PDB file of N, CA and C in Angstrom:
ATOM      1  N   SER A   1      29.312 113.091 127.207  1.00  0.00           N
ATOM      2  CA  SER A   1      27.991 112.714 126.825  1.00  0.00           C
ATOM      3  C   SER A   1      28.203 111.541 125.950  1.00  0.00           C
ATOM      4  N   PRO A   2      27.086 110.401 125.545  1.00  0.00           N
ATOM      5  CA  PRO A   2      27.659 109.417 124.687  1.00  0.00           C
ATOM      6  C   PRO A   2      27.388 109.783 123.385  1.00  0.00           C
ATOM      7  N   VAL A   3      28.173 109.094 122.416  1.00  0.00           N
ATOM      8  CA  VAL A   3      28.455 109.236 121.297  1.00  0.00           C
ATOM      9  C   VAL A   3      27.293 108.440 120.690  1.00  0.00           C
ATOM     10  N   ILE A   4      26.423 109.039 120.025  1.00  0.00           N
ATOM     11  CA  ILE A   4      25.401 108.536 119.331  1.00  0.00           C
ATOM     12  C   ILE A   4      25.529 108.423 117.694  1.00  0.00           C
ATOM     13  N   ILE A   5      25.630 107.200 117.169  1.00  0.00           N
ATOM     14  CA  ILE A   5      25.740 106.989 115.673  1.00  0.00           C
ATOM     15  C   ILE A   5      24.648 106.435 115.088  1.00  0.00           C
ATOM     16  N   ASP A   6      24.019 107.103 114.124  1.00  0.00           N
ATOM     17  CA  ASP A   6      22.966 106.706 113.314  1.00  0.00           C
ATOM     18  C   ASP A   6      23.414 105.688 112.299  1.00  0.00           C
ATOM     19  N   ASP A   7      22.769 104.300 112.215  1.00  0.00           N
ATOM     20  CA  ASP A   7      23.102 103.142 111.456  1.00  0.00           C
ATOM     21  C   ASP A   7      23.309 103.663 109.909  1.00  0.00           C
ATOM     22  N   ASP A   8      22.326 104.590 109.709  1.00  0.00           N
ATOM     23  CA  ASP A   8      22.278 104.740 108.095  1.00  0.00           C
ATOM     24  C   ASP A   8      23.457 105.659 107.682  1.00  0.00           C
ATOM     25  N   VAL A   9      23.953 106.501 108.598  1.00  0.00           N
ATOM     26  CA  VAL A   9      25.338 107.375 108.350  1.00  0.00           C
ATOM     27  C   VAL A   9      26.415 106.473 108.583  1.00  0.00           C
ATOM     28  N   ARG A  10      26.578 105.824 109.440  1.00  0.00           N
ATOM     29  CA  ARG A  10      27.571 104.937 109.615  1.00  0.00           C
ATOM     30  C   ARG A  10      27.846 104.028 108.604  1.00  0.00           C
ATOM     31  N   SER A  11      26.817 103.280 107.899  1.00  0.00           N
ATOM     32  CA  SER A  11      26.982 102.412 107.054  1.00  0.00           C
ATOM     33  C   SER A  11      27.348 103.015 105.614  1.00  0.00           C
ATOM     34  N   SER A  12      27.072 104.490 105.569  1.00  0.00           N
ATOM     35  CA  SER A  12      27.346 105.238 104.553  1.00  0.00           C
ATOM     36  C   SER A  12      28.891 105.869 104.379  1.00  0.00           C
ATOM     37  N   THR A  13      29.386 105.788 105.469  1.00  0.00           N
ATOM     38  CA  THR A  13      30.756 106.342 105.598  1.00  0.00           C
ATOM     39  C   THR A  13      31.865 105.586 106.317  1.00  0.00           C
ATOM     40  N   LEU A  14      31.574 104.508 106.908  1.00  0.00           N
ATOM     41  CA  LEU A  14      32.628 103.872 107.284  1.00  0.00           C
ATOM     42  C   LEU A  14      32.665 102.237 106.995  1.00  0.00           C
ATOM     43  N   PRO A  15      33.618 101.444 106.967  1.00  0.00           N
ATOM     44  CA  PRO A  15      33.606 100.345 106.558  1.00  0.00           C
ATOM     45  C   PRO A  15      32.678  99.374 107.754  1.00  0.00           C
ATOM     46  N   PRO A  16      32.346  98.284 107.616  1.00  0.00           N
ATOM     47  CA  PRO A  16      31.537  97.426 108.459  1.00  0.00           C
ATOM     48  C   PRO A  16      32.235  97.157 109.721  1.00  0.00           C
ATOM     49  N   ARG A  17      33.426  97.072 109.774  1.00  0.00           N
ATOM     50  CA  ARG A  17      34.082  96.809 111.006  1.00  0.00           C
ATOM     51  C   ARG A  17      34.790  97.804 111.797  1.00  0.00           C
ATOM     52  N   ALA A  18      34.549  99.043 111.116  1.00  0.00           N
ATOM     53  CA  ALA A  18      35.253 100.153 111.700  1.00  0.00           C
ATOM     54  C   ALA A  18      34.599 100.865 113.237  1.00  0.00           C
ATOM     55  N   ASN A  19      35.617 101.140 113.863  1.00  0.00           N
ATOM     56  CA  ASN A  19      35.058 101.660 115.017  1.00  0.00           C
ATOM     57  C   ASN A  19      34.876 103.169 115.064  1.00  0.00           C
ATOM     58  N   PHE A  20      33.803 103.818 114.887  1.00  0.00           N
ATOM     59  CA  PHE A  20      33.816 105.075 114.992  1.00  0.00           C
ATOM     60  C   PHE A  20      34.622 105.957 115.707  1.00  0.00           C
ATOM     61  N   LEU A  21      34.942 105.772 116.795  1.00  0.00           N
ATOM     62  CA  LEU A  21      36.141 106.416 117.542  1.00  0.00           C
ATOM     63  C   LEU A  21      37.493 106.142 117.337  1.00  0.00           C
ATOM     64  N   ALA A  22      37.738 105.028 116.590  1.00  0.00           N
ATOM     65  CA  ALA A  22      39.122 105.136 116.216  1.00  0.00           C
ATOM     66  C   ALA A  22      39.344 105.694 114.935  1.00  0.00           C
ATOM     67  N   THR A  23      38.450 106.082 114.283  1.00  0.00           N
ATOM     68  CA  THR A  23      38.497 106.981 112.948  1.00  0.00           C
ATOM     69  C   THR A  23      38.518 108.378 113.144  1.00  0.00           C
ATOM     70  N   GLN A  24      38.508 108.976 114.399  1.00  0.00           N
ATOM     71  CA  GLN A  24      38.363 110.425 114.623  1.00  0.00           C
ATOM     72  C   GLN A  24      39.715 111.068 114.893  1.00  0.00           C
ATOM     73  N   VAL A  25      40.029 112.165 114.241  1.00  0.00           N
ATOM     74  CA  VAL A  25      41.267 112.814 114.903  1.00  0.00           C
ATOM     75  C   VAL A  25      40.922 113.570 115.830  1.00  0.00           C
ATOM     76  N   TRP A  26      41.348 113.548 116.782  1.00  0.00           N
ATOM     77  CA  TRP A  26      40.757 114.164 118.270  1.00  0.00           C
ATOM     78  C   TRP A  26      41.852 115.503 118.200  1.00  0.00           C
ATOM     79  N   PRO A  27      41.160 116.597 119.027  1.00  0.00           N
ATOM     80  CA  PRO A  27      41.901 117.592 119.299  1.00  0.00           C
ATOM     81  C   PRO A  27      43.487 117.400 119.973  1.00  0.00           C
ATOM     82  N   SER A  28      43.350 116.420 120.756  1.00  0.00           N
ATOM     83  CA  SER A  28      44.674 116.204 121.384  1.00  0.00           C
ATOM     84  C   SER A  28      45.644 115.677 120.290  1.00  0.00           C
ATOM     85  N   SER A  29      45.361 114.917 119.332  1.00  0.00           N
ATOM     86  CA  SER A  29      45.978 114.507 118.088  1.00  0.00           C
ATOM     87  C   SER A  29      46.692 115.838 117.496  1.00  0.00           C
ATOM     88  N   ARG A  30      45.813 116.769 117.016  1.00  0.00           N
ATOM     89  CA  ARG A  30      46.030 117.986 116.388  1.00  0.00           C
ATOM     90  C   ARG A  30      47.045 118.727 117.219  1.00  0.00           C
ATOM     91  N   ILE A  31      46.990 118.613 118.589  1.00  0.00           N
ATOM     92  CA  ILE A  31      48.040 119.635 119.451  1.00  0.00           C
ATOM     93  C   ILE A  31      49.426 118.831 119.458  1.00  0.00           C
ATOM     94  N   ALA A  32      49.171 117.442 119.520  1.00  0.00           N
ATOM     95  CA  ALA A  32      50.410 116.818 119.367  1.00  0.00           C
ATOM     96  C   ALA A  32      51.149 116.826 118.226  1.00  0.00           C
ATOM     97  N   SER A  33      50.630 116.881 117.096  1.00  0.00           N
ATOM     98  CA  SER A  33      51.107 116.972 115.689  1.00  0.00           C
ATOM     99  C   SER A  33      51.813 118.278 115.752  1.00  0.00           C
ATOM    100  N   THR A  34      51.162 119.357 116.184  1.00  0.00           N
ATOM    101  CA  THR A  34      51.734 120.850 116.132  1.00  0.00           C
ATOM    102  C   THR A  34      52.886 120.730 117.013  1.00  0.00           C
ATOM    103  N   ILE A  35      53.136 120.353 118.014  1.00  0.00           N
ATOM    104  CA  ILE A  35      54.072 120.204 118.956  1.00  0.00           C
ATOM    105  C   ILE A  35      55.345 119.400 118.282  1.00  0.00           C
ATOM    106  N   ILE A  36      55.015 118.263 117.800  1.00  0.00           N
ATOM    107  CA  ILE A  36      55.940 117.238 116.993  1.00  0.00           C
ATOM    108  C   ILE A  36      56.513 118.141 115.721  1.00  0.00           C
ATOM    109  N   GLU A  37      55.654 118.781 115.083  1.00  0.00           N
ATOM    110  CA  GLU A  37      56.068 119.672 113.828  1.00  0.00           C
ATOM    111  C   GLU A  37      57.263 120.492 114.321  1.00  0.00           C
ATOM    112  N   GLN A  38      56.974 121.092 115.333  1.00  0.00           N
ATOM    113  CA  GLN A  38      57.938 122.261 115.755  1.00  0.00           C
ATOM    114  C   GLN A  38      59.151 121.991 116.544  1.00  0.00           C
ATOM    115  N   TYR A  39      59.237 120.682 117.332  1.00  0.00           N
ATOM    116  CA  TYR A  39      60.135 120.531 118.157  1.00  0.00           C
ATOM    117  C   TYR A  39      60.930 119.194 117.955  1.00  0.00           C
ATOM    118  N   LEU A  40      60.371 118.197 117.294  1.00  0.00           N
ATOM    119  CA  LEU A  40      60.743 116.847 117.138  1.00  0.00           C
ATOM    120  C   LEU A  40      62.117 116.745 116.495  1.00  0.00           C
ATOM    121  N   ASP A  41      62.998 115.975 116.938  1.00  0.00           N
ATOM    122  CA  ASP A  41      64.380 115.914 116.347  1.00  0.00           C
ATOM    123  C   ASP A  41      64.275 114.687 115.554  1.00  0.00           C
ATOM    124  N   PRO A  42      64.544 114.600 114.283  1.00  0.00           N
ATOM    125  CA  PRO A  42      64.250 113.602 113.343  1.00  0.00           C
ATOM    126  C   PRO A  42      65.173 112.455 113.821  1.00  0.00           C
ATOM    127  N   SER A  43      66.187 112.340 114.669  1.00  0.00           N
ATOM    128  CA  SER A  43      66.911 111.142 115.170  1.00  0.00           C
ATOM    129  C   SER A  43      66.008 110.376 116.143  1.00  0.00           C
ATOM    130  N   TRP A  44      64.929 110.910 116.832  1.00  0.00           N
ATOM    131  CA  TRP A  44      64.228 110.237 117.735  1.00  0.00           C
ATOM    132  C   TRP A  44      63.206 109.078 117.188  1.00  0.00           C
ATOM    133  N   LYS A  45      63.107 108.123 117.894  1.00  0.00           N
ATOM    134  CA  LYS A  45      61.961 107.073 117.330  1.00  0.00           C
ATOM    135  C   LYS A  45      60.640 107.565 118.162  1.00  0.00           C
ATOM    136  N   VAL A  46      59.577 107.448 117.353  1.00  0.00           N
ATOM    137  CA  VAL A  46      58.308 107.674 117.904  1.00  0.00           C
ATOM    138  C   VAL A  46      57.553 106.377 117.878  1.00  0.00           C
ATOM    139  N   CYS A  47      56.699 106.220 119.106  1.00  0.00           N
ATOM    140  CA  CYS A  47      56.038 105.128 119.228  1.00  0.00           C
ATOM    141  C   CYS A  47      54.330 105.870 119.714  1.00  0.00           C
ATOM    142  N   GLU A  48      53.525 105.728 118.817  1.00  0.00           N
ATOM    143  CA  GLU A  48      52.167 106.068 119.208  1.00  0.00           C
ATOM    144  C   GLU A  48      51.197 105.238 119.543  1.00  0.00           C
ATOM    145  N   LEU A  49      50.570 105.070 120.860  1.00  0.00           N
ATOM    146  CA  LEU A  49      50.001 104.101 121.373  1.00  0.00           C
ATOM    147  C   LEU A  49      48.385 104.590 120.933  1.00  0.00           C
ATOM    148  N   GLY A  50      47.358 103.724 120.415  1.00  0.00           N
ATOM    149  CA  GLY A  50      46.158 104.002 120.201  1.00  0.00           C
ATOM    150  C   GLY A  50      46.105 105.137 119.193  1.00  0.00           C
ATOM    151  N   CYS A  51      46.894 104.983 118.172  1.00  0.00           N
ATOM    152  CA  CYS A  51      46.969 105.741 117.099  1.00  0.00           C
ATOM    153  C   CYS A  51      45.747 106.549 116.544  1.00  0.00           C
ATOM    154  N   GLY A  52      44.568 105.542 116.264  1.00  0.00           N
ATOM    155  CA  GLY A  52      43.490 105.950 115.398  1.00  0.00           C
ATOM    156  C   GLY A  52      43.973 106.187 113.987  1.00  0.00           C
ATOM    157  N   PRO A  53      43.552 107.566 113.442  1.00  0.00           N
ATOM    158  CA  PRO A  53      44.163 107.513 112.053  1.00  0.00           C
ATOM    159  C   PRO A  53      45.599 108.025 112.220  1.00  0.00           C
ATOM    160  N   GLY A  54      46.328 108.207 113.113  1.00  0.00           N
ATOM    161  CA  GLY A  54      47.579 108.401 113.174  1.00  0.00           C
ATOM    162  C   GLY A  54      48.278 110.024 112.926  1.00  0.00           C
ATOM    163  N   LEU A  55      47.531 110.807 113.058  1.00  0.00           N
ATOM    164  CA  LEU A  55      47.805 112.127 112.750  1.00  0.00           C
ATOM    165  C   LEU A  55      49.463 112.347 113.460  1.00  0.00           C
ATOM    166  N   PRO A  56      49.822 112.311 114.727  1.00  0.00           N
ATOM    167  CA  PRO A  56      50.978 112.537 115.131  1.00  0.00           C
ATOM    168  C   PRO A  56      51.917 111.670 114.588  1.00  0.00           C
ATOM    169  N   SER A  57      51.819 110.214 114.266  1.00  0.00           N
ATOM    170  CA  SER A  57      52.845 109.188 113.742  1.00  0.00           C
ATOM    171  C   SER A  57      52.867 109.971 112.199  1.00  0.00           C
ATOM    172  N   LEU A  58      52.126 109.965 111.311  1.00  0.00           N
ATOM    173  CA  LEU A  58      52.122 110.707 110.323  1.00  0.00           C
ATOM    174  C   LEU A  58      53.168 111.802 110.142  1.00  0.00           C
ATOM    175  N   THR A  59      52.875 112.779 111.073  1.00  0.00           N
ATOM    176  CA  THR A  59      53.718 113.975 111.365  1.00  0.00           C
ATOM    177  C   THR A  59      55.068 113.778 111.554  1.00  0.00           C
ATOM    178  N   ALA A  60      55.245 112.765 112.425  1.00  0.00           N
ATOM    179  CA  ALA A  60      56.550 112.379 113.055  1.00  0.00           C
ATOM    180  C   ALA A  60      57.356 111.747 111.573  1.00  0.00           C
ATOM    181  N   ALA A  61      56.831 110.848 110.831  1.00  0.00           N
ATOM    182  CA  ALA A  61      57.561 110.264 109.809  1.00  0.00           C
ATOM    183  C   ALA A  61      57.704 111.198 108.924  1.00  0.00           C
ATOM    184  N   MET A  62      56.725 112.112 108.559  1.00  0.00           N
ATOM    185  CA  MET A  62      57.330 113.175 107.627  1.00  0.00           C
ATOM    186  C   MET A  62      58.415 114.281 108.180  1.00  0.00           C
ATOM    187  N   LYS A  63      58.697 114.265 109.361  1.00  0.00           N
ATOM    188  CA  LYS A  63      60.059 114.981 109.786  1.00  0.00           C
ATOM    189  C   LYS A  63      60.877 114.192 109.730  1.00  0.00           C
ATOM    190  N   GLY A  64      61.028 112.860 109.487  1.00  0.00           N
ATOM    191  CA  GLY A  64      62.182 111.897 109.160  1.00  0.00           C
ATOM    192  C   GLY A  64      62.320 110.855 110.372  1.00  0.00           C
ATOM    193  N   SER A  65      61.620 110.698 111.419  1.00  0.00           N
ATOM    194  CA  SER A  65      61.623 109.992 112.524  1.00  0.00           C
ATOM    195  C   SER A  65      61.252 108.536 112.030  1.00  0.00           C
ATOM    196  N   GLU A  66      61.754 107.375 112.639  1.00  0.00           N
ATOM    197  CA  GLU A  66      61.210 106.347 112.704  1.00  0.00           C
ATOM    198  C   GLU A  66      60.282 106.096 113.536  1.00  0.00           C
ATOM    199  N   VAL A  67      59.024 105.474 112.956  1.00  0.00           N
ATOM    200  CA  VAL A  67      57.714 105.639 113.826  1.00  0.00           C
ATOM    201  C   VAL A  67      57.149 104.127 113.863  1.00  0.00           C
ATOM    202  N   ILE A  68      56.741 103.832 114.833  1.00  0.00           N
ATOM    203  CA  ILE A  68      55.722 102.698 115.282  1.00  0.00           C
ATOM    204  C   ILE A  68      54.297 103.410 115.556  1.00  0.00           C
ATOM    205  N   ALA A  69      53.259 102.988 115.046  1.00  0.00           N
ATOM    206  CA  ALA A  69      51.996 103.250 115.265  1.00  0.00           C
ATOM    207  C   ALA A  69      51.003 101.915 115.601  1.00  0.00           C
ATOM    208  N   THR A  70      50.563 102.210 116.734  1.00  0.00           N
ATOM    209  CA  THR A  70      49.635 100.819 117.306  1.00  0.00           C
ATOM    210  C   THR A  70      48.221 101.298 117.603  1.00  0.00           C
ATOM    211  N   ASP A  71      47.540 100.231 117.363  1.00  0.00           N
ATOM    212  CA  ASP A  71      45.990 100.570 117.780  1.00  0.00           C
ATOM    213  C   ASP A  71      45.348  99.053 117.702  1.00  0.00           C
ATOM    214  N   LEU A  72      44.450  98.931 118.600  1.00  0.00           N
ATOM    215  CA  LEU A  72      43.417  97.780 118.604  1.00  0.00           C
ATOM    216  C   LEU A  72      42.481  97.495 117.513  1.00  0.00           C
ATOM    217  N   ASP A  73      42.381  98.727 116.882  1.00  0.00           N
ATOM    218  CA  ASP A  73      41.229  98.646 115.825  1.00  0.00           C
ATOM    219  C   ASP A  73      42.046  98.465 114.380  1.00  0.00           C
ATOM    220  N   GLU A  74      41.923  97.351 113.737  1.00  0.00           N
ATOM    221  CA  GLU A  74      42.732  97.274 112.607  1.00  0.00           C
ATOM    222  C   GLU A  74      42.116  98.082 111.345  1.00  0.00           C
ATOM    223  N   CYS A  75      41.135  98.791 111.353  1.00  0.00           N
ATOM    224  CA  CYS A  75      40.570  99.811 110.192  1.00  0.00           C
ATOM    225  C   CYS A  75      41.684 100.891 110.698  1.00  0.00           C
ATOM    226  N   ALA A  76      41.767 101.195 111.632  1.00  0.00           N
ATOM    227  CA  ALA A  76      42.508 102.333 111.890  1.00  0.00           C
ATOM    228  C   ALA A  76      44.112 102.414 111.507  1.00  0.00           C
ATOM    229  N   LEU A  77      44.549 100.998 111.733  1.00  0.00           N
ATOM    230  CA  LEU A  77      45.612 100.750 111.110  1.00  0.00           C
ATOM    231  C   LEU A  77      45.803 100.885 109.758  1.00  0.00           C
ATOM    232  N   GLU A  78      44.818 100.374 108.889  1.00  0.00           N
ATOM    233  CA  GLU A  78      44.902 100.597 107.689  1.00  0.00           C
ATOM    234  C   GLU A  78      44.802 101.629 107.052  1.00  0.00           C
ATOM    235  N   MET A  79      44.080 102.552 107.789  1.00  0.00           N
ATOM    236  CA  MET A  79      43.990 104.176 107.609  1.00  0.00           C
ATOM    237  C   MET A  79      45.385 104.545 107.584  1.00  0.00           C
ATOM    238  N   VAL A  80      46.312 104.376 108.480  1.00  0.00           N
ATOM    239  CA  VAL A  80      47.423 104.954 108.790  1.00  0.00           C
ATOM    240  C   VAL A  80      48.514 104.650 107.519  1.00  0.00           C
ATOM    241  N   LYS A  81      48.489 103.175 107.378  1.00  0.00           N
ATOM    242  CA  LYS A  81      49.068 102.720 106.570  1.00  0.00           C
ATOM    243  C   LYS A  81      48.870 103.138 105.050  1.00  0.00           C
ATOM    244  N   ALA A  82      47.771 103.449 104.705  1.00  0.00           N
ATOM    245  CA  ALA A  82      47.335 104.046 103.520  1.00  0.00           C
ATOM    246  C   ALA A  82      47.722 105.607 103.252  1.00  0.00           C
ATOM    247  N   ALA A  83      47.547 106.068 104.213  1.00  0.00           N
ATOM    248  CA  ALA A  83      48.076 107.763 104.432  1.00  0.00           C
ATOM    249  C   ALA A  83      49.402 107.896 104.279  1.00  0.00           C
ATOM    250  N   ALA A  84      50.260 106.789 105.000  1.00  0.00           N
ATOM    251  CA  ALA A  84      51.708 107.000 105.017  1.00  0.00           C
ATOM    252  C   ALA A  84      52.425 106.512 103.693  1.00  0.00           C
ATOM    253  N   LYS A  85      51.419 106.124 102.551  1.00  0.00           N
ATOM    254  CA  LYS A  85      52.334 105.695 101.253  1.00  0.00           C
ATOM    255  C   LYS A  85      52.243 106.835 100.451  1.00  0.00           C
TER     256      LYS A  85
END
């Protein structure tokens, strides 16, 4: 079903240029993060495509891996950078 975003809610919670979908932590990201936390070898390099807020990337970085997080949405990348600090 389509995602309907009320403009009043959007303007009070997201920056004007933010893509609502790129700011969500999806169930698949939670599952990937759990798997990464359990099985990642810190010597592995990780590249997350379409990272959104980057939960799997952040989890891999916390485990000691070198990480590249990518997304078309600049706001999503800003969120990942801020969370990584």
